[in-house]
Amino acid sequence: MAYYPKDAAAVQRLREQIEALGVPLILMRKFIQLIGAITVQVEDEYTSRRVIATVFAALVQQAEEIRQPESDRIKELIEACRIDVERRLARRKVRTSA
């Protein structure tokens, strides 16, 4: 089974970036769980793009529960991570289908 620790670490950086904004722990726990769900999807070859898209949408919804301007900044970070994950998965597909 293929394992992609760099892809998992890239998703975990989102957690670090959100934590750096000073999000209260009670709310941060919710982000941690959702980010963890994405991490387990990208860390090995059994990846579900549909699950990943759903969890990223849940992250955005959670960010909308945070006060401004942190909410907008968190949504920007989530979008940047989503794009990075998509790029990584596309590159992986090219590598593994050759």
PDB file of N, CA and C in Angstrom:
ATOM      1  N   MET A   1       0.852  -1.181   0.000  1.00  0.00           N
ATOM      2  CA  MET A   1       0.000   0.000   0.000  1.00  0.00           C
ATOM      3  C   MET A   1       0.895   1.240   0.000  1.00  0.00           C
ATOM      4  N   ALA A   2       0.561   2.165  -0.863  1.00  0.00           N
ATOM      5  CA  ALA A   2       1.319   3.418  -0.942  1.00  0.00           C
ATOM      6  C   ALA A   2       0.911   4.344   0.203  1.00  0.00           C
ATOM      7  N   TYR A   3       1.903   5.036   0.734  1.00  0.00           N
ATOM      8  CA  TYR A   3       1.675   5.981   1.821  1.00  0.00           C
ATOM      9  C   TYR A   3       2.283   7.318   1.430  1.00  0.00           C
ATOM     10  N   TYR A   4       1.563   8.400   1.670  1.00  0.00           N
ATOM     11  CA  TYR A   4       1.969   9.735   1.236  1.00  0.00           C
ATOM     12  C   TYR A   4       2.088  10.685   2.425  1.00  0.00           C
ATOM     13  N   PRO A   5       3.159  10.575   3.201  1.00  0.00           N
ATOM     14  CA  PRO A   5       3.294  11.414   4.397  1.00  0.00           C
ATOM     15  C   PRO A   5       3.412  12.902   4.081  1.00  0.00           C
ATOM     16  N   LYS A   6       3.989  13.256   2.948  1.00  0.00           N
ATOM     17  CA  LYS A   6       4.099  14.677   2.596  1.00  0.00           C
ATOM     18  C   LYS A   6       2.724  15.277   2.313  1.00  0.00           C
ATOM     19  N   ASP A   7       1.840  14.495   1.720  1.00  0.00           N
ATOM     20  CA  ASP A   7       0.483  14.976   1.459  1.00  0.00           C
ATOM     21  C   ASP A   7      -0.270  15.166   2.775  1.00  0.00           C
ATOM     22  N   ALA A   8      -0.112  14.214   3.687  1.00  0.00           N
ATOM     23  CA  ALA A   8      -0.760  14.327   4.994  1.00  0.00           C
ATOM     24  C   ALA A   8      -0.212  15.526   5.766  1.00  0.00           C
ATOM     25  N   ALA A   9       1.089  15.727   5.705  1.00  0.00           N
ATOM     26  CA  ALA A   9       1.710  16.857   6.411  1.00  0.00           C
ATOM     27  C   ALA A   9       1.227  18.188   5.850  1.00  0.00           C
ATOM     28  N   ALA A  10       0.995  18.230   4.543  1.00  0.00           N
ATOM     29  CA  ALA A  10       0.508  19.468   3.924  1.00  0.00           C
ATOM     30  C   ALA A  10      -0.870  19.841   4.470  1.00  0.00           C
ATOM     31  N   VAL A  11      -1.715  18.856   4.679  1.00  0.00           N
ATOM     32  CA  VAL A  11      -3.038  19.120   5.241  1.00  0.00           C
ATOM     33  C   VAL A  11      -2.907  19.555   6.702  1.00  0.00           C
ATOM     34  N   GLN A  12      -2.013  18.944   7.431  1.00  0.00           N
ATOM     35  CA  GLN A  12      -1.828  19.306   8.833  1.00  0.00           C
ATOM     36  C   GLN A  12      -1.313  20.741   8.996  1.00  0.00           C
ATOM     37  N   ARG A  13      -0.638  21.264   7.990  1.00  0.00           N
ATOM     38  CA  ARG A  13      -0.206  22.665   8.055  1.00  0.00           C
ATOM     39  C   ARG A  13      -1.403  23.607   8.150  1.00  0.00           C
ATOM     40  N   LEU A  14      -2.541  23.204   7.568  1.00  0.00           N
ATOM     41  CA  LEU A  14      -3.753  24.013   7.694  1.00  0.00           C
ATOM     42  C   LEU A  14      -4.122  24.160   9.163  1.00  0.00           C
ATOM     43  N   ARG A  15      -4.016  23.099   9.909  1.00  0.00           N
ATOM     44  CA  ARG A  15      -4.304  23.156  11.350  1.00  0.00           C
ATOM     45  C   ARG A  15      -3.399  24.184  12.034  1.00  0.00           C
ATOM     46  N   GLU A  16      -2.117  24.116  11.744  1.00  0.00           N
ATOM     47  CA  GLU A  16      -1.163  25.043  12.346  1.00  0.00           C
ATOM     48  C   GLU A  16      -1.482  26.493  11.986  1.00  0.00           C
ATOM     49  N   GLN A  17      -1.871  26.717  10.746  1.00  0.00           N
ATOM     50  CA  GLN A  17      -2.192  28.079  10.300  1.00  0.00           C
ATOM     51  C   GLN A  17      -3.434  28.612  11.004  1.00  0.00           C
ATOM     52  N   ILE A  18      -4.439  27.766  11.168  1.00  0.00           N
ATOM     53  CA  ILE A  18      -5.658  28.199  11.855  1.00  0.00           C
ATOM     54  C   ILE A  18      -5.373  28.437  13.338  1.00  0.00           C
ATOM     55  N   GLU A  19      -4.613  27.552  13.946  1.00  0.00           N
ATOM     56  CA  GLU A  19      -4.255  27.732  15.357  1.00  0.00           C
ATOM     57  C   GLU A  19      -3.514  29.047  15.579  1.00  0.00           C
ATOM     58  N   ALA A  20      -2.660  29.421  14.629  1.00  0.00           N
ATOM     59  CA  ALA A  20      -1.866  30.650  14.745  1.00  0.00           C
ATOM     60  C   ALA A  20      -2.748  31.897  14.770  1.00  0.00           C
ATOM     61  N   LEU A  21      -3.982  31.778  14.305  1.00  0.00           N
ATOM     62  CA  LEU A  21      -4.899  32.921  14.314  1.00  0.00           C
ATOM     63  C   LEU A  21      -5.535  33.134  15.692  1.00  0.00           C
ATOM     64  N   GLY A  22      -5.280  32.219  16.602  1.00  0.00           N
ATOM     65  CA  GLY A  22      -5.813  32.377  17.955  1.00  0.00           C
ATOM     66  C   GLY A  22      -7.256  31.939  18.113  1.00  0.00           C
ATOM     67  N   VAL A  23      -7.681  30.990  17.309  1.00  0.00           N
ATOM     68  CA  VAL A  23      -9.051  30.480  17.421  1.00  0.00           C
ATOM     69  C   VAL A  23      -9.200  29.809  18.791  1.00  0.00           C
ATOM     70  N   PRO A  24     -10.277  30.109  19.516  1.00  0.00           N
ATOM     71  CA  PRO A  24     -10.481  29.492  20.837  1.00  0.00           C
ATOM     72  C   PRO A  24     -10.478  27.960  20.746  1.00  0.00           C
ATOM     73  N   LEU A  25      -9.933  27.319  21.754  1.00  0.00           N
ATOM     74  CA  LEU A  25      -9.771  25.869  21.767  1.00  0.00           C
ATOM     75  C   LEU A  25     -11.082  25.135  21.511  1.00  0.00           C
ATOM     76  N   ILE A  26     -12.160  25.594  22.083  1.00  0.00           N
ATOM     77  CA  ILE A  26     -13.448  24.910  21.914  1.00  0.00           C
ATOM     78  C   ILE A  26     -13.852  24.855  20.442  1.00  0.00           C
ATOM     79  N   LEU A  27     -13.523  25.909  19.689  1.00  0.00           N
ATOM     80  CA  LEU A  27     -13.799  25.909  18.250  1.00  0.00           C
ATOM     81  C   LEU A  27     -12.698  25.200  17.474  1.00  0.00           C
ATOM     82  N   MET A  28     -11.479  25.335  17.936  1.00  0.00           N
ATOM     83  CA  MET A  28     -10.346  24.708  17.256  1.00  0.00           C
ATOM     84  C   MET A  28     -10.502  23.198  17.222  1.00  0.00           C
ATOM     85  N   ARG A  29     -11.073  22.637  18.265  1.00  0.00           N
ATOM     86  CA  ARG A  29     -11.289  21.185  18.299  1.00  0.00           C
ATOM     87  C   ARG A  29     -12.120  20.719  17.122  1.00  0.00           C
ATOM     88  N   LYS A  30     -13.082  21.514  16.713  1.00  0.00           N
ATOM     89  CA  LYS A  30     -13.922  21.150  15.570  1.00  0.00           C
ATOM     90  C   LYS A  30     -13.107  21.159  14.278  1.00  0.00           C
ATOM     91  N   PHE A  31     -12.257  22.176  14.134  1.00  0.00           N
ATOM     92  CA  PHE A  31     -11.390  22.228  12.957  1.00  0.00           C
ATOM     93  C   PHE A  31     -10.422  21.041  12.947  1.00  0.00           C
ATOM     94  N   ILE A  32      -9.885  20.707  14.111  1.00  0.00           N
ATOM     95  CA  ILE A  32      -8.928  19.604  14.210  1.00  0.00           C
ATOM     96  C   ILE A  32      -9.554  18.297  13.721  1.00  0.00           C
ATOM     97  N   GLN A  33     -10.776  18.043  14.127  1.00  0.00           N
ATOM     98  CA  GLN A  33     -11.446  16.797  13.717  1.00  0.00           C
ATOM     99  C   GLN A  33     -11.675  16.757  12.206  1.00  0.00           C
ATOM    100  N   LEU A  34     -12.116  17.861  11.642  1.00  0.00           N
ATOM    101  CA  LEU A  34     -12.360  17.899  10.199  1.00  0.00           C
ATOM    102  C   LEU A  34     -11.057  17.785   9.412  1.00  0.00           C
ATOM    103  N   ILE A  35     -10.032  18.477   9.869  1.00  0.00           N
ATOM    104  CA  ILE A  35      -8.732  18.390   9.201  1.00  0.00           C
ATOM    105  C   ILE A  35      -8.188  16.965   9.302  1.00  0.00           C
ATOM    106  N   GLY A  36      -8.406  16.326  10.432  1.00  0.00           N
ATOM    107  CA  GLY A  36      -7.997  14.931  10.592  1.00  0.00           C
ATOM    108  C   GLY A  36      -8.685  14.010   9.596  1.00  0.00           C
ATOM    109  N   ALA A  37      -9.953  14.273   9.325  1.00  0.00           N
ATOM    110  CA  ALA A  37     -10.690  13.456   8.355  1.00  0.00           C
ATOM    111  C   ALA A  37     -10.089  13.596   6.950  1.00  0.00           C
ATOM    112  N   ILE A  38      -9.670  14.797   6.597  1.00  0.00           N
ATOM    113  CA  ILE A  38      -9.034  14.991   5.287  1.00  0.00           C
ATOM    114  C   ILE A  38      -7.663  14.310   5.280  1.00  0.00           C
ATOM    115  N   THR A  39      -6.937  14.441   6.366  1.00  0.00           N
ATOM    116  CA  THR A  39      -5.601  13.846   6.452  1.00  0.00           C
ATOM    117  C   THR A  39      -5.641  12.344   6.198  1.00  0.00           C
ATOM    118  N   VAL A  40      -6.576  11.643   6.831  1.00  0.00           N
ATOM    119  CA  VAL A  40      -6.632  10.191   6.632  1.00  0.00           C
ATOM    120  C   VAL A  40      -7.050   9.830   5.208  1.00  0.00           C
ATOM    121  N   GLN A  41      -7.735  10.729   4.536  1.00  0.00           N
ATOM    122  CA  GLN A  41      -8.089  10.473   3.139  1.00  0.00           C
ATOM    123  C   GLN A  41      -6.887  10.616   2.211  1.00  0.00           C
ATOM    124  N   VAL A  42      -6.004  11.546   2.491  1.00  0.00           N
ATOM    125  CA  VAL A  42      -4.904  11.807   1.564  1.00  0.00           C
ATOM    126  C   VAL A  42      -3.627  11.040   1.892  1.00  0.00           C
ATOM    127  N   GLU A  43      -3.542  10.426   3.067  1.00  0.00           N
ATOM    128  CA  GLU A  43      -2.266   9.826   3.470  1.00  0.00           C
ATOM    129  C   GLU A  43      -1.979   8.477   2.822  1.00  0.00           C
ATOM    130  N   ASP A  44      -2.958   7.841   2.214  1.00  0.00           N
ATOM    131  CA  ASP A  44      -2.678   6.569   1.550  1.00  0.00           C
ATOM    132  C   ASP A  44      -3.371   6.519   0.192  1.00  0.00           C
ATOM    133  N   GLU A  45      -3.278   5.384  -0.453  1.00  0.00           N
ATOM    134  CA  GLU A  45      -3.795   5.272  -1.818  1.00  0.00           C
ATOM    135  C   GLU A  45      -5.316   5.111  -1.888  1.00  0.00           C
ATOM    136  N   TYR A  46      -5.960   4.873  -0.768  1.00  0.00           N
ATOM    137  CA  TYR A  46      -7.415   4.700  -0.753  1.00  0.00           C
ATOM    138  C   TYR A  46      -8.083   6.036  -0.467  1.00  0.00           C
ATOM    139  N   THR A  47      -8.065   6.889  -1.469  1.00  0.00           N
ATOM    140  CA  THR A  47      -8.528   8.263  -1.339  1.00  0.00           C
ATOM    141  C   THR A  47      -9.886   8.426  -1.997  1.00  0.00           C
ATOM    142  N   SER A  48     -10.786   9.104  -1.316  1.00  0.00           N
ATOM    143  CA  SER A  48     -12.095   9.419  -1.891  1.00  0.00           C
ATOM    144  C   SER A  48     -12.184  10.928  -2.099  1.00  0.00           C
ATOM    145  N   ARG A  49     -12.159  11.331  -3.367  1.00  0.00           N
ATOM    146  CA  ARG A  49     -12.260  12.762  -3.672  1.00  0.00           C
ATOM    147  C   ARG A  49     -13.596  13.330  -3.207  1.00  0.00           C
ATOM    148  N   ARG A  50     -14.632  12.518  -3.260  1.00  0.00           N
ATOM    149  CA  ARG A  50     -15.956  12.983  -2.826  1.00  0.00           C
ATOM    150  C   ARG A  50     -15.980  13.262  -1.327  1.00  0.00           C
ATOM    151  N   VAL A  51     -15.375  12.387  -0.559  1.00  0.00           N
ATOM    152  CA  VAL A  51     -15.299  12.610   0.890  1.00  0.00           C
ATOM    153  C   VAL A  51     -14.469  13.853   1.177  1.00  0.00           C
ATOM    154  N   ILE A  52     -13.349  13.998   0.494  1.00  0.00           N
ATOM    155  CA  ILE A  52     -12.490  15.156   0.697  1.00  0.00           C
ATOM    156  C   ILE A  52     -13.251  16.449   0.394  1.00  0.00           C
ATOM    157  N   ALA A  53     -13.979  16.478  -0.710  1.00  0.00           N
ATOM    158  CA  ALA A  53     -14.747  17.679  -1.069  1.00  0.00           C
ATOM    159  C   ALA A  53     -15.806  17.988  -0.015  1.00  0.00           C
ATOM    160  N   THR A  54     -16.452  16.959   0.496  1.00  0.00           N
ATOM    161  CA  THR A  54     -17.482  17.143   1.518  1.00  0.00           C
ATOM    162  C   THR A  54     -16.890  17.710   2.799  1.00  0.00           C
ATOM    163  N   VAL A  55     -15.737  17.198   3.203  1.00  0.00           N
ATOM    164  CA  VAL A  55     -15.130  17.672   4.446  1.00  0.00           C
ATOM    165  C   VAL A  55     -14.582  19.089   4.278  1.00  0.00           C
ATOM    166  N   PHE A  56     -14.023  19.399   3.107  1.00  0.00           N
ATOM    167  CA  PHE A  56     -13.601  20.783   2.879  1.00  0.00           C
ATOM    168  C   PHE A  56     -14.805  21.730   2.955  1.00  0.00           C
ATOM    169  N   ALA A  57     -15.957  21.309   2.420  1.00  0.00           N
ATOM    170  CA  ALA A  57     -17.166  22.135   2.513  1.00  0.00           C
ATOM    171  C   ALA A  57     -17.573  22.315   3.975  1.00  0.00           C
ATOM    172  N   ALA A  58     -17.435  21.267   4.776  1.00  0.00           N
ATOM    173  CA  ALA A  58     -17.747  21.368   6.206  1.00  0.00           C
ATOM    174  C   ALA A  58     -16.790  22.322   6.914  1.00  0.00           C
ATOM    175  N   LEU A  59     -15.531  22.319   6.512  1.00  0.00           N
ATOM    176  CA  LEU A  59     -14.568  23.267   7.087  1.00  0.00           C
ATOM    177  C   LEU A  59     -14.984  24.710   6.807  1.00  0.00           C
ATOM    178  N   VAL A  60     -15.417  24.961   5.591  1.00  0.00           N
ATOM    179  CA  VAL A  60     -15.869  26.317   5.239  1.00  0.00           C
ATOM    180  C   VAL A  60     -17.080  26.703   6.083  1.00  0.00           C
ATOM    181  N   GLN A  61     -18.015  25.779   6.232  1.00  0.00           N
ATOM    182  CA  GLN A  61     -19.188  26.050   7.055  1.00  0.00           C
ATOM    183  C   GLN A  61     -18.789  26.350   8.495  1.00  0.00           C
ATOM    184  N   GLN A  62     -17.834  25.604   9.018  1.00  0.00           N
ATOM    185  CA  GLN A  62     -17.359  25.844  10.380  1.00  0.00           C
ATOM    186  C   GLN A  62     -16.700  27.211  10.482  1.00  0.00           C
ATOM    187  N   ALA A  63     -15.940  27.580   9.467  1.00  0.00           N
ATOM    188  CA  ALA A  63     -15.272  28.893   9.466  1.00  0.00           C
ATOM    189  C   ALA A  63     -16.290  30.024   9.504  1.00  0.00           C
ATOM    190  N   GLU A  64     -17.438  29.812   8.904  1.00  0.00           N
ATOM    191  CA  GLU A  64     -18.470  30.844   8.893  1.00  0.00           C
ATOM    192  C   GLU A  64     -19.072  31.074  10.281  1.00  0.00           C
ATOM    193  N   GLU A  65     -18.798  30.178  11.207  1.00  0.00           N
ATOM    194  CA  GLU A  65     -19.274  30.335  12.585  1.00  0.00           C
ATOM    195  C   GLU A  65     -18.327  31.192  13.428  1.00  0.00           C
ATOM    196  N   ILE A  66     -17.183  31.546  12.876  1.00  0.00           N
ATOM    197  CA  ILE A  66     -16.160  32.328  13.583  1.00  0.00           C
ATOM    198  C   ILE A  66     -16.386  33.809  13.285  1.00  0.00           C
ATOM    199  N   ARG A  67     -15.968  34.657  14.210  1.00  0.00           N
ATOM    200  CA  ARG A  67     -16.109  36.106  14.028  1.00  0.00           C
ATOM    201  C   ARG A  67     -15.206  36.600  12.891  1.00  0.00           C
ATOM    202  N   GLN A  68     -15.530  37.774  12.398  1.00  0.00           N
ATOM    203  CA  GLN A  68     -14.712  38.435  11.380  1.00  0.00           C
ATOM    204  C   GLN A  68     -13.578  39.171  12.064  1.00  0.00           C
ATOM    205  N   PRO A  69     -12.446  39.388  11.485  1.00  0.00           N
ATOM    206  CA  PRO A  69     -12.043  39.002  10.129  1.00  0.00           C
ATOM    207  C   PRO A  69     -11.450  37.599  10.065  1.00  0.00           C
ATOM    208  N   GLU A  70     -11.383  36.897  11.205  1.00  0.00           N
ATOM    209  CA  GLU A  70     -10.792  35.564  11.212  1.00  0.00           C
ATOM    210  C   GLU A  70     -11.526  34.611  10.273  1.00  0.00           C
ATOM    211  N   SER A  71     -12.834  34.734  10.189  1.00  0.00           N
ATOM    212  CA  SER A  71     -13.621  33.852   9.335  1.00  0.00           C
ATOM    213  C   SER A  71     -13.138  33.902   7.893  1.00  0.00           C
ATOM    214  N   ASP A  72     -12.977  35.096   7.369  1.00  0.00           N
ATOM    215  CA  ASP A  72     -12.527  35.223   5.974  1.00  0.00           C
ATOM    216  C   ASP A  72     -11.121  34.681   5.794  1.00  0.00           C
ATOM    217  N   ARG A  73     -10.243  34.949   6.750  1.00  0.00           N
ATOM    218  CA  ARG A  73      -8.867  34.462   6.650  1.00  0.00           C
ATOM    219  C   ARG A  73      -8.827  32.941   6.708  1.00  0.00           C
ATOM    220  N   ILE A  74      -9.629  32.351   7.570  1.00  0.00           N
ATOM    221  CA  ILE A  74      -9.677  30.888   7.665  1.00  0.00           C
ATOM    222  C   ILE A  74     -10.203  30.300   6.357  1.00  0.00           C
ATOM    223  N   LYS A  75     -11.214  30.914   5.792  1.00  0.00           N
ATOM    224  CA  LYS A  75     -11.745  30.412   4.518  1.00  0.00           C
ATOM    225  C   LYS A  75     -10.702  30.506   3.412  1.00  0.00           C
ATOM    226  N   GLU A  76      -9.887  31.556   3.424  1.00  0.00           N
ATOM    227  CA  GLU A  76      -8.793  31.664   2.446  1.00  0.00           C
ATOM    228  C   GLU A  76      -7.785  30.531   2.638  1.00  0.00           C
ATOM    229  N   LEU A  77      -7.449  30.239   3.882  1.00  0.00           N
ATOM    230  CA  LEU A  77      -6.510  29.156   4.173  1.00  0.00           C
ATOM    231  C   LEU A  77      -7.076  27.807   3.740  1.00  0.00           C
ATOM    232  N   ILE A  78      -8.355  27.593   3.995  1.00  0.00           N
ATOM    233  CA  ILE A  78      -9.013  26.339   3.598  1.00  0.00           C
ATOM    234  C   ILE A  78      -8.977  26.194   2.081  1.00  0.00           C
ATOM    235  N   GLU A  79      -9.286  27.256   1.371  1.00  0.00           N
ATOM    236  CA  GLU A  79      -9.294  27.201  -0.094  1.00  0.00           C
ATOM    237  C   GLU A  79      -7.894  26.919  -0.638  1.00  0.00           C
ATOM    238  N   ALA A  80      -6.885  27.545  -0.069  1.00  0.00           N
ATOM    239  CA  ALA A  80      -5.512  27.293  -0.507  1.00  0.00           C
ATOM    240  C   ALA A  80      -5.137  25.831  -0.266  1.00  0.00           C
ATOM    241  N   CYS A  81      -5.541  25.286   0.860  1.00  0.00           N
ATOM    242  CA  CYS A  81      -5.261  23.887   1.166  1.00  0.00           C
ATOM    243  C   CYS A  81      -6.015  22.964   0.210  1.00  0.00           C
ATOM    244  N   ARG A  82      -7.262  23.286  -0.067  1.00  0.00           N
ATOM    245  CA  ARG A  82      -8.071  22.468  -0.986  1.00  0.00           C
ATOM    246  C   ARG A  82      -7.414  22.403  -2.357  1.00  0.00           C
ATOM    247  N   ILE A  83      -6.962  23.549  -2.850  1.00  0.00           N
ATOM    248  CA  ILE A  83      -6.299  23.591  -4.152  1.00  0.00           C
ATOM    249  C   ILE A  83      -5.015  22.761  -4.128  1.00  0.00           C
ATOM    250  N   ASP A  84      -4.257  22.882  -3.037  1.00  0.00           N
ATOM    251  CA  ASP A  84      -3.024  22.113  -2.900  1.00  0.00           C
ATOM    252  C   ASP A  84      -3.309  20.611  -2.886  1.00  0.00           C
ATOM    253  N   VAL A  85      -4.337  20.200  -2.161  1.00  0.00           N
ATOM    254  CA  VAL A  85      -4.690  18.783  -2.106  1.00  0.00           C
ATOM    255  C   VAL A  85      -5.089  18.283  -3.493  1.00  0.00           C
ATOM    256  N   GLU A  86      -5.895  19.055  -4.195  1.00  0.00           N
ATOM    257  CA  GLU A  86      -6.296  18.657  -5.549  1.00  0.00           C
ATOM    258  C   GLU A  86      -5.080  18.496  -6.455  1.00  0.00           C
ATOM    259  N   ARG A  87      -4.147  19.417  -6.354  1.00  0.00           N
ATOM    260  CA  ARG A  87      -2.921  19.345  -7.164  1.00  0.00           C
ATOM    261  C   ARG A  87      -2.123  18.098  -6.815  1.00  0.00           C
ATOM    262  N   ARG A  88      -2.007  17.824  -5.534  1.00  0.00           N
ATOM    263  CA  ARG A  88      -1.264  16.645  -5.098  1.00  0.00           C
ATOM    264  C   ARG A  88      -1.931  15.355  -5.566  1.00  0.00           C
ATOM    265  N   LEU A  89      -3.252  15.291  -5.479  1.00  0.00           N
ATOM    266  CA  LEU A  89      -3.965  14.086  -5.915  1.00  0.00           C
ATOM    267  C   LEU A  89      -3.867  13.900  -7.425  1.00  0.00           C
ATOM    268  N   ALA A  90      -3.921  14.982  -8.174  1.00  0.00           N
ATOM    269  CA  ALA A  90      -3.792  14.895  -9.632  1.00  0.00           C
ATOM    270  C   ALA A  90      -2.403  14.389 -10.008  1.00  0.00           C
ATOM    271  N   ARG A  91      -1.397  14.907  -9.336  1.00  0.00           N
ATOM    272  CA  ARG A  91      -0.025  14.481  -9.604  1.00  0.00           C
ATOM    273  C   ARG A  91       0.153  13.005  -9.238  1.00  0.00           C
ATOM    274  N   ARG A  92      -0.457  12.608  -8.152  1.00  0.00           N
ATOM    275  CA  ARG A  92      -0.393  11.209  -7.721  1.00  0.00           C
ATOM    276  C   ARG A  92      -1.020  10.304  -8.753  1.00  0.00           C
ATOM    277  N   LYS A  93      -2.157  10.705  -9.293  1.00  0.00           N
ATOM    278  CA  LYS A  93      -2.854   9.907 -10.293  1.00  0.00           C
ATOM    279  C   LYS A  93      -1.990   9.732 -11.533  1.00  0.00           C
ATOM    280  N   VAL A  94      -1.332  10.792 -11.927  1.00  0.00           N
ATOM    281  CA  VAL A  94      -0.449  10.727 -13.088  1.00  0.00           C
ATOM    282  C   VAL A  94       0.704   9.760 -12.797  1.00  0.00           C
ATOM    283  N   ARG A  95       1.279   9.846 -11.602  1.00  0.00           N
ATOM    284  CA  ARG A  95       2.385   8.966 -11.232  1.00  0.00           C
ATOM    285  C   ARG A  95       1.953   7.504 -11.181  1.00  0.00           C
ATOM    286  N   THR A  96       0.776   7.251 -10.642  1.00  0.00           N
ATOM    287  CA  THR A  96       0.376   5.850 -10.426  1.00  0.00           C
ATOM    288  C   THR A  96      -0.292   5.222 -11.640  1.00  0.00           C
ATOM    289  N   SER A  97      -0.769   6.025 -12.590  1.00  0.00           N
ATOM    290  CA  SER A  97      -1.435   5.441 -13.755  1.00  0.00           C
ATOM    291  C   SER A  97      -0.477   5.195 -14.904  1.00  0.00           C
ATOM    292  N   ALA A  98       0.775   5.583 -14.745  1.00  0.00           N
ATOM    293  CA  ALA A  98       1.760   5.402 -15.828  1.00  0.00           C
ATOM    294  C   ALA A  98       2.320   3.995 -15.830  1.00  0.00           C
TER     295      ALA A  98
END
